[in-house]
N, C-alpha and C. Protein backbone atom coordinates (compact mmCIF):
# COMPACT_ATOMS: atom_id res chain seq x y z
N MET A 1 12.02 -0.42 -11.66
CA MET A 1 11.46 -1.74 -11.27
C MET A 1 12.70 -2.89 -11.50
N SER A 2 13.11 -3.20 -10.40
CA SER A 2 14.14 -4.51 -10.33
C SER A 2 13.51 -5.79 -10.88
N GLN A 3 13.78 -6.21 -12.01
CA GLN A 3 13.21 -7.56 -12.60
C GLN A 3 13.61 -8.58 -11.68
N GLY A 4 14.88 -8.50 -11.20
CA GLY A 4 15.26 -9.74 -10.31
C GLY A 4 14.51 -9.58 -9.16
N ARG A 5 14.09 -8.47 -8.45
CA ARG A 5 13.31 -8.35 -7.26
C ARG A 5 11.86 -8.99 -7.45
N ILE A 6 11.39 -8.48 -8.64
CA ILE A 6 10.11 -9.05 -8.90
C ILE A 6 10.06 -10.48 -8.96
N GLU A 7 11.10 -11.11 -9.68
CA GLU A 7 10.93 -12.61 -9.98
C GLU A 7 11.24 -13.40 -8.40
N LEU A 8 12.18 -12.72 -7.68
CA LEU A 8 12.34 -13.23 -6.35
C LEU A 8 11.10 -13.35 -5.70
N LEU A 9 10.20 -12.13 -5.52
CA LEU A 9 9.06 -11.86 -4.89
C LEU A 9 8.00 -12.92 -5.38
N GLN A 10 8.04 -13.01 -6.71
CA GLN A 10 6.95 -14.11 -7.24
C GLN A 10 7.36 -15.38 -6.74
N LYS A 11 8.77 -15.77 -6.67
CA LYS A 11 8.95 -17.24 -6.15
C LYS A 11 8.56 -17.33 -4.74
N MET A 12 8.84 -16.22 -3.99
CA MET A 12 8.25 -16.28 -2.52
C MET A 12 6.69 -16.48 -2.44
N LEU A 13 6.15 -15.84 -3.33
CA LEU A 13 4.72 -15.87 -3.41
C LEU A 13 4.18 -17.31 -3.68
N GLU A 14 4.93 -17.99 -4.54
CA GLU A 14 4.42 -19.21 -4.95
C GLU A 14 4.41 -20.18 -3.85
N ALA A 15 5.58 -19.94 -3.11
CA ALA A 15 5.48 -20.68 -1.61
C ALA A 15 4.48 -20.38 -0.71
N ASP A 16 4.30 -19.04 -0.64
CA ASP A 16 3.02 -18.62 0.24
C ASP A 16 2.24 -17.45 -0.40
N PRO A 17 1.22 -17.69 -1.11
CA PRO A 17 0.45 -16.74 -1.93
C PRO A 17 -0.05 -15.63 -1.20
N LYS A 18 -0.26 -15.85 0.09
CA LYS A 18 -0.97 -14.68 0.85
C LYS A 18 0.01 -14.05 1.68
N ASP A 19 1.40 -14.17 1.49
CA ASP A 19 2.43 -13.43 2.32
C ASP A 19 2.19 -11.90 2.19
N ALA A 20 1.76 -11.31 3.25
CA ALA A 20 1.63 -9.88 3.00
C ALA A 20 2.89 -9.03 2.72
N PHE A 21 3.91 -9.46 3.29
CA PHE A 21 5.23 -8.73 3.24
C PHE A 21 5.60 -8.93 1.66
N CYS A 22 5.44 -10.11 1.16
CA CYS A 22 5.90 -10.12 -0.34
C CYS A 22 4.89 -9.33 -1.28
N ARG A 23 3.54 -9.45 -0.64
CA ARG A 23 2.55 -8.66 -1.63
C ARG A 23 3.02 -7.17 -1.56
N TYR A 24 3.42 -6.63 -0.29
CA TYR A 24 3.68 -5.40 -0.15
C TYR A 24 5.09 -4.95 -0.88
N GLY A 25 5.91 -5.93 -1.08
CA GLY A 25 7.17 -5.92 -1.80
C GLY A 25 6.89 -5.55 -3.18
N MET A 26 5.95 -6.53 -3.74
CA MET A 26 5.59 -6.29 -5.15
C MET A 26 4.94 -4.82 -5.53
N ALA A 27 4.25 -4.33 -4.38
CA ALA A 27 3.46 -3.11 -4.72
C ALA A 27 4.47 -2.00 -4.68
N GLN A 28 5.41 -2.20 -3.77
CA GLN A 28 6.56 -1.22 -3.77
C GLN A 28 7.58 -1.14 -4.89
N GLU A 29 7.83 -2.19 -5.60
CA GLU A 29 8.37 -2.26 -6.88
C GLU A 29 7.83 -1.60 -7.98
N TYR A 30 6.26 -1.84 -8.16
CA TYR A 30 5.62 -1.08 -9.06
C TYR A 30 5.54 0.27 -8.67
N LEU A 31 5.14 0.55 -7.65
CA LEU A 31 5.29 2.14 -7.42
C LEU A 31 6.55 2.77 -7.64
N LYS A 32 7.64 2.16 -7.49
CA LYS A 32 9.11 2.69 -7.63
C LYS A 32 9.11 2.97 -9.35
N ALA A 33 8.75 1.91 -9.88
CA ALA A 33 8.64 2.19 -11.52
C ALA A 33 7.55 3.03 -12.00
N GLY A 34 6.85 3.62 -11.26
CA GLY A 34 5.81 4.45 -11.65
C GLY A 34 4.51 3.74 -12.35
N ASP A 35 4.59 2.32 -12.18
CA ASP A 35 3.41 1.66 -12.60
C ASP A 35 2.19 1.66 -11.52
N TYR A 36 1.49 3.05 -11.57
CA TYR A 36 0.74 3.07 -10.18
C TYR A 36 -0.46 2.12 -10.21
N LEU A 37 -1.03 1.70 -11.16
CA LEU A 37 -2.22 0.61 -11.11
C LEU A 37 -1.80 -0.62 -10.80
N ASN A 38 -0.60 -1.08 -11.24
CA ASN A 38 -0.26 -2.47 -10.50
C ASN A 38 0.05 -2.25 -9.03
N ALA A 39 0.77 -1.06 -8.69
CA ALA A 39 1.08 -0.76 -7.26
C ALA A 39 -0.21 -0.96 -6.59
N VAL A 40 -1.22 -0.21 -6.83
CA VAL A 40 -2.64 -0.23 -6.44
C VAL A 40 -3.01 -1.73 -6.00
N PHE A 41 -3.08 -2.43 -7.32
CA PHE A 41 -3.35 -3.94 -7.22
C PHE A 41 -2.88 -4.63 -5.99
N TRP A 42 -1.45 -4.40 -5.92
CA TRP A 42 -0.61 -5.12 -4.92
C TRP A 42 -0.85 -4.62 -3.58
N PHE A 43 -1.07 -3.30 -3.43
CA PHE A 43 -1.38 -2.81 -2.05
C PHE A 43 -2.78 -3.47 -1.73
N ASP A 44 -3.74 -3.47 -2.54
CA ASP A 44 -5.01 -4.08 -2.48
C ASP A 44 -4.70 -5.46 -1.93
N LYS A 45 -3.91 -6.19 -2.56
CA LYS A 45 -3.55 -7.67 -2.19
C LYS A 45 -2.95 -7.74 -0.91
N THR A 46 -2.01 -6.75 -0.47
CA THR A 46 -1.37 -6.80 0.88
C THR A 46 -2.57 -6.64 1.97
N ILE A 47 -3.46 -5.57 1.60
CA ILE A 47 -4.53 -5.32 2.58
C ILE A 47 -5.42 -6.53 2.81
N GLU A 48 -5.57 -7.27 1.75
CA GLU A 48 -6.38 -8.36 1.58
C GLU A 48 -6.05 -9.59 2.65
N SER A 49 -4.63 -9.55 2.62
CA SER A 49 -3.78 -10.52 3.34
C SER A 49 -3.89 -10.13 4.88
N ASP A 50 -3.59 -8.79 4.96
CA ASP A 50 -3.44 -8.30 6.56
C ASP A 50 -4.29 -6.88 6.50
N ILE A 51 -5.46 -6.83 6.93
CA ILE A 51 -6.18 -5.66 7.04
C ILE A 51 -5.53 -4.56 7.90
N ASP A 52 -4.70 -4.94 8.73
CA ASP A 52 -3.84 -4.01 9.60
C ASP A 52 -2.31 -3.52 8.96
N TYR A 53 -2.16 -3.85 7.92
CA TYR A 53 -0.76 -3.58 7.40
C TYR A 53 -0.90 -2.04 6.86
N CYS A 54 -0.88 -1.17 7.93
CA CYS A 54 -1.35 0.20 7.76
C CYS A 54 -0.46 1.05 6.59
N TYR A 55 0.76 0.75 6.60
CA TYR A 55 1.65 1.48 5.55
C TYR A 55 1.10 1.16 4.05
N ALA A 56 0.27 0.04 3.82
CA ALA A 56 -0.24 -0.36 2.55
C ALA A 56 -1.21 0.88 2.20
N TYR A 57 -1.95 1.11 3.03
CA TYR A 57 -2.90 2.33 2.87
C TYR A 57 -2.18 3.64 2.52
N TYR A 58 -1.22 3.73 3.28
CA TYR A 58 -0.45 5.13 2.94
C TYR A 58 0.09 5.21 1.56
N HIS A 59 0.71 4.10 1.29
CA HIS A 59 1.30 3.95 -0.07
C HIS A 59 0.50 3.83 -1.04
N LYS A 60 -0.78 3.05 -1.00
CA LYS A 60 -1.82 2.94 -1.93
C LYS A 60 -2.28 4.42 -2.20
N ALA A 61 -2.55 5.09 -1.11
CA ALA A 61 -2.95 6.37 -1.39
C ALA A 61 -2.18 7.26 -2.26
N ARG A 62 -0.74 7.18 -2.08
CA ARG A 62 0.37 7.74 -2.72
C ARG A 62 0.19 7.34 -4.32
N ALA A 63 0.10 6.17 -4.40
CA ALA A 63 -0.10 5.59 -5.84
C ALA A 63 -1.46 6.10 -6.58
N LEU A 64 -2.47 6.10 -5.79
CA LEU A 64 -3.70 6.85 -6.34
C LEU A 64 -3.42 8.32 -6.64
N GLU A 65 -2.90 8.87 -5.77
CA GLU A 65 -2.76 10.42 -6.01
C GLU A 65 -1.94 10.56 -7.16
N GLN A 66 -0.93 9.83 -7.39
CA GLN A 66 0.14 9.98 -8.63
C GLN A 66 -0.74 9.65 -9.81
N ALA A 67 -1.86 8.56 -9.84
CA ALA A 67 -2.48 8.16 -10.86
C ALA A 67 -3.72 9.21 -11.27
N GLY A 68 -3.87 10.25 -10.47
CA GLY A 68 -4.84 11.24 -10.72
C GLY A 68 -6.07 10.95 -10.12
N LYS A 69 -6.12 9.87 -9.17
CA LYS A 69 -7.45 9.60 -8.55
C LYS A 69 -7.47 10.09 -7.02
N LEU A 70 -7.54 11.33 -6.83
CA LEU A 70 -7.45 12.22 -5.60
C LEU A 70 -8.63 11.65 -4.61
N GLN A 71 -9.84 11.38 -5.00
CA GLN A 71 -10.98 11.01 -3.96
C GLN A 71 -10.65 9.58 -3.51
N ASP A 72 -10.27 8.62 -4.44
CA ASP A 72 -9.76 7.24 -4.05
C ASP A 72 -8.69 7.46 -3.05
N ALA A 73 -7.53 8.25 -3.27
CA ALA A 73 -6.62 8.38 -2.46
C ALA A 73 -7.05 8.77 -0.95
N ILE A 74 -8.05 9.80 -0.97
CA ILE A 74 -8.46 10.28 0.29
C ILE A 74 -9.23 9.12 1.09
N SER A 75 -10.09 8.55 0.33
CA SER A 75 -10.90 7.33 0.91
C SER A 75 -9.96 6.32 1.51
N THR A 76 -8.98 5.88 0.79
CA THR A 76 -8.04 4.95 1.22
C THR A 76 -7.39 5.56 2.38
N LEU A 77 -6.94 6.77 2.59
CA LEU A 77 -6.39 7.17 3.71
C LEU A 77 -7.30 7.39 5.15
N GLN A 78 -8.56 7.50 4.64
CA GLN A 78 -9.72 7.47 5.79
C GLN A 78 -9.60 5.98 6.36
N ILE A 79 -9.61 5.12 5.51
CA ILE A 79 -9.81 3.55 5.85
C ILE A 79 -8.71 3.23 6.66
N GLY A 80 -7.39 3.68 6.20
CA GLY A 80 -6.18 3.41 6.77
C GLY A 80 -6.02 3.96 8.17
N LEU A 81 -6.57 5.31 8.24
CA LEU A 81 -6.54 6.01 9.47
C LEU A 81 -7.30 5.23 10.72
N ALA A 82 -8.39 4.76 10.14
CA ALA A 82 -9.22 3.99 11.14
C ALA A 82 -8.41 2.60 11.51
N ARG A 83 -8.02 2.03 10.56
CA ARG A 83 -7.20 0.67 10.91
C ARG A 83 -6.10 1.05 11.83
N ALA A 84 -5.27 2.03 11.41
CA ALA A 84 -4.05 2.46 12.46
C ALA A 84 -4.40 2.61 13.61
N ARG A 85 -5.65 3.48 13.81
CA ARG A 85 -6.24 3.89 15.22
C ARG A 85 -6.56 2.48 15.88
N ALA A 86 -7.22 1.53 15.20
CA ALA A 86 -7.78 0.42 16.00
C ALA A 86 -6.37 -0.31 16.35
N SER A 87 -5.31 -0.41 15.38
CA SER A 87 -4.34 -1.11 15.95
C SER A 87 -3.34 -0.48 16.92
N GLY A 88 -3.72 0.84 17.06
CA GLY A 88 -2.96 1.50 18.15
C GLY A 88 -1.49 1.94 17.57
N ASP A 89 -1.42 2.03 16.10
CA ASP A 89 -0.04 2.42 15.52
C ASP A 89 0.14 4.05 15.24
N ALA A 90 0.61 4.52 16.68
CA ALA A 90 0.87 6.05 16.64
C ALA A 90 1.46 6.77 15.51
N HIS A 91 2.62 6.06 15.15
CA HIS A 91 3.31 6.52 14.08
C HIS A 91 2.80 6.62 12.61
N THR A 92 2.03 5.50 12.29
CA THR A 92 1.35 5.38 11.01
C THR A 92 0.09 6.38 11.14
N ILE A 93 -0.36 6.34 12.19
CA ILE A 93 -1.71 7.44 12.54
C ILE A 93 -1.13 8.76 12.14
N SER A 94 0.01 9.33 12.55
CA SER A 94 0.52 10.65 12.33
C SER A 94 1.01 10.65 10.86
N GLU A 95 1.48 9.72 10.16
CA GLU A 95 1.81 9.71 8.83
C GLU A 95 0.60 9.86 7.88
N ILE A 96 -0.31 9.04 8.00
CA ILE A 96 -1.48 9.13 7.29
C ILE A 96 -2.34 10.35 7.44
N GLN A 97 -2.56 10.98 8.77
CA GLN A 97 -3.23 12.01 9.00
C GLN A 97 -2.42 13.47 8.24
N SER A 98 -1.17 13.23 8.41
CA SER A 98 -0.36 14.27 7.56
C SER A 98 -0.68 14.35 6.12
N LEU A 99 -0.82 13.21 5.27
CA LEU A 99 -0.95 13.20 4.17
C LEU A 99 -2.37 13.32 3.98
N LEU A 100 -3.24 12.89 4.51
CA LEU A 100 -4.66 13.38 4.69
C LEU A 100 -4.94 14.73 4.53
N ASP A 101 -4.37 15.44 5.50
CA ASP A 101 -4.37 16.92 5.48
C ASP A 101 -3.74 17.58 4.20
N GLN A 102 -2.88 17.26 3.74
CA GLN A 102 -2.27 17.51 2.41
C GLN A 102 -3.21 17.63 1.47
N LEU A 103 -3.98 16.42 1.40
CA LEU A 103 -4.74 16.27 0.21
C LEU A 103 -5.98 16.64 0.22
N THR A 104 -6.57 16.99 1.48
CA THR A 104 -7.91 17.65 1.62
C THR A 104 -7.84 19.16 1.79
């Protein structure tokens, strides 16, 4: 985890606390560091800001899988798949479905 990136993202979030892109960035930094619970927290914050930020579901599921929470990961993917379908995001549909197939 790059402390400099975290600090930069925190400053950006001070300016716009609901910025989905910054929240997603925070989640990715924690995910890279192997801090899966904080990653899940920030992916949830991303989804709270933008329910159709479909890759947040994919990466949240990856974090949950790494944390040993397989059923939570599967549930997250199912919700993400529904959101990706609703938004017509074919690429994300494919990736979420592929991970869902691997986990089930």
